[in-house]
């Protein structure tokens, strides 16, 4: 499970190597987890699921992921062997 970004507030941004489509990342912390779809063609992300995050924290996470979207899309493709 490669950590692809250092994360935010001690949370890590993870892409699992044997994960499924659609392209997505996991924001993981000791007591929280969220999964965001990477809408690379649209330049956006979409919350898929969450446990333990407050709404204000999810907004910060979303903004953080959007700032790094190009890198995350490239990382997803590289990890999953896509062009």
C-alpha atoms as a PDB file:
ATOM      1  CA  UNK A   1       0.000   0.000   0.000  1.00  0.00           C
ATOM      2  CA  UNK A   2       2.101   2.889  -1.257  1.00  0.00           C
ATOM      3  CA  UNK A   3       1.663   6.218   0.478  1.00  0.00           C
ATOM      4  CA  UNK A   4       1.657   8.584  -2.481  1.00  0.00           C
ATOM      5  CA  UNK A   5       1.453  11.887  -0.597  1.00  0.00           C
ATOM      6  CA  UNK A   6       2.622  12.761   2.881  1.00  0.00           C
ATOM      7  CA  UNK A   7      -0.940  13.583   3.747  1.00  0.00           C
ATOM      8  CA  UNK A   8      -2.486  16.170   5.936  1.00  0.00           C
ATOM      9  CA  UNK A   9      -2.676  16.403   9.737  1.00  0.00           C
ATOM     10  CA  UNK A  10      -0.970  13.025  10.047  1.00  0.00           C
ATOM     11  CA  UNK A  11      -3.325  11.326   7.610  1.00  0.00           C
ATOM     12  CA  UNK A  12      -1.803   9.467   4.654  1.00  0.00           C
ATOM     13  CA  UNK A  13      -2.929   9.392   1.034  1.00  0.00           C
ATOM     14  CA  UNK A  14      -2.757   5.765  -0.110  1.00  0.00           C
ATOM     15  CA  UNK A  15      -3.308   3.878  -3.357  1.00  0.00           C
ATOM     16  CA  UNK A  16      -3.602   0.132  -2.833  1.00  0.00           C
ATOM     17  CA  UNK A  17      -1.701  -1.930  -5.409  1.00  0.00           C
ATOM     18  CA  UNK A  18      -4.391  -4.590  -5.934  1.00  0.00           C
ATOM     19  CA  UNK A  19      -7.336  -2.193  -5.836  1.00  0.00           C
ATOM     20  CA  UNK A  20     -10.235  -1.904  -8.278  1.00  0.00           C
ATOM     21  CA  UNK A  21     -11.501   0.763 -10.632  1.00  0.00           C
ATOM     22  CA  UNK A  22     -12.570   3.524 -10.683  1.00  0.00           C
ATOM     23  CA  UNK A  23      -9.305   5.297  -9.904  1.00  0.00           C
ATOM     24  CA  UNK A  24      -9.397   6.439  -6.284  1.00  0.00           C
ATOM     25  CA  UNK A  25      -7.302   7.167  -3.218  1.00  0.00           C
ATOM     26  CA  UNK A  26      -7.746   6.437   0.454  1.00  0.00           C
ATOM     27  CA  UNK A  27      -7.098   9.068   3.130  1.00  0.00           C
ATOM     28  CA  UNK A  28      -6.114   7.008   6.149  1.00  0.00           C
ATOM     29  CA  UNK A  29      -5.517   7.933   9.787  1.00  0.00           C
ATOM     30  CA  UNK A  30      -5.621   6.115  13.120  1.00  0.00           C
ATOM     31  CA  UNK A  31      -9.365   6.663  13.579  1.00  0.00           C
ATOM     32  CA  UNK A  32     -10.506   7.936  10.167  1.00  0.00           C
ATOM     33  CA  UNK A  33     -10.796   6.701   6.601  1.00  0.00           C
ATOM     34  CA  UNK A  34     -12.164   8.280   3.432  1.00  0.00           C
ATOM     35  CA  UNK A  35     -12.163   7.150  -0.164  1.00  0.00           C
ATOM     36  CA  UNK A  36     -12.168   9.686  -3.006  1.00  0.00           C
ATOM     37  CA  UNK A  37     -12.681   8.906  -6.675  1.00  0.00           C
ATOM     38  CA  UNK A  38     -10.148  10.594  -8.958  1.00  0.00           C
ATOM     39  CA  UNK A  39     -12.073  12.210 -11.806  1.00  0.00           C
ATOM     40  CA  UNK A  40      -8.903  12.878 -13.757  1.00  0.00           C
ATOM     41  CA  UNK A  41     -10.571  13.886 -17.041  1.00  0.00           C
ATOM     42  CA  UNK A  42     -12.816  16.370 -15.224  1.00  0.00           C
ATOM     43  CA  UNK A  43     -10.136  17.809 -12.926  1.00  0.00           C
ATOM     44  CA  UNK A  44     -12.112  16.858  -9.841  1.00  0.00           C
ATOM     45  CA  UNK A  45     -12.510  14.353  -7.010  1.00  0.00           C
ATOM     46  CA  UNK A  46     -15.657  12.813  -5.516  1.00  0.00           C
ATOM     47  CA  UNK A  47     -16.162  11.475  -2.011  1.00  0.00           C
ATOM     48  CA  UNK A  48     -17.073   7.777  -2.209  1.00  0.00           C
ATOM     49  CA  UNK A  49     -17.144   6.821   1.486  1.00  0.00           C
ATOM     50  CA  UNK A  50     -15.982   8.067   4.858  1.00  0.00           C
ATOM     51  CA  UNK A  51     -15.671   6.944   8.458  1.00  0.00           C
ATOM     52  CA  UNK A  52     -14.793   9.317  11.283  1.00  0.00           C
ATOM     53  CA  UNK A  53     -14.110  12.525   9.344  1.00  0.00           C
ATOM     54  CA  UNK A  54     -15.945  15.760  10.132  1.00  0.00           C
ATOM     55  CA  UNK A  55     -17.404  17.727   7.211  1.00  0.00           C
ATOM     56  CA  UNK A  56     -14.846  20.514   7.691  1.00  0.00           C
ATOM     57  CA  UNK A  57     -12.016  17.968   7.552  1.00  0.00           C
ATOM     58  CA  UNK A  58     -13.422  16.416   4.372  1.00  0.00           C
ATOM     59  CA  UNK A  59     -13.450  19.846   2.728  1.00  0.00           C
ATOM     60  CA  UNK A  60      -9.767  20.298   3.617  1.00  0.00           C
ATOM     61  CA  UNK A  61      -8.937  16.822   2.327  1.00  0.00           C
ATOM     62  CA  UNK A  62     -10.813  17.466  -0.926  1.00  0.00           C
ATOM     63  CA  UNK A  63      -8.946  20.748  -1.501  1.00  0.00           C
ATOM     64  CA  UNK A  64      -5.639  19.007  -0.727  1.00  0.00           C
ATOM     65  CA  UNK A  65      -6.358  16.207  -3.192  1.00  0.00           C
ATOM     66  CA  UNK A  66      -7.401  18.684  -5.888  1.00  0.00           C
ATOM     67  CA  UNK A  67      -4.073  20.516  -5.527  1.00  0.00           C
ATOM     68  CA  UNK A  68      -2.291  17.205  -6.193  1.00  0.00           C
ATOM     69  CA  UNK A  69      -4.772  15.673  -8.647  1.00  0.00           C
ATOM     70  CA  UNK A  70      -2.394  15.405 -11.608  1.00  0.00           C
ATOM     71  CA  UNK A  71       0.204  13.597  -9.491  1.00  0.00           C
ATOM     72  CA  UNK A  72      -2.429  11.286  -7.990  1.00  0.00           C
ATOM     73  CA  UNK A  73      -3.812  10.361 -11.427  1.00  0.00           C
ATOM     74  CA  UNK A  74      -0.301   9.639 -12.674  1.00  0.00           C
ATOM     75  CA  UNK A  75       0.452   7.576  -9.564  1.00  0.00           C
ATOM     76  CA  UNK A  76      -2.763   5.551  -9.949  1.00  0.00           C
ATOM     77  CA  UNK A  77      -1.908   4.760 -13.578  1.00  0.00           C
ATOM     78  CA  UNK A  78       1.696   3.869 -12.786  1.00  0.00           C
ATOM     79  CA  UNK A  79       0.785   1.622  -9.828  1.00  0.00           C
ATOM     80  CA  UNK A  80      -1.883  -0.192 -11.863  1.00  0.00           C
ATOM     81  CA  UNK A  81       0.184  -0.455 -15.057  1.00  0.00           C
ATOM     82  CA  UNK A  82      -1.979   1.807 -17.172  1.00  0.00           C
ATOM     83  CA  UNK A  83      -0.686   4.180 -19.873  1.00  0.00           C
END
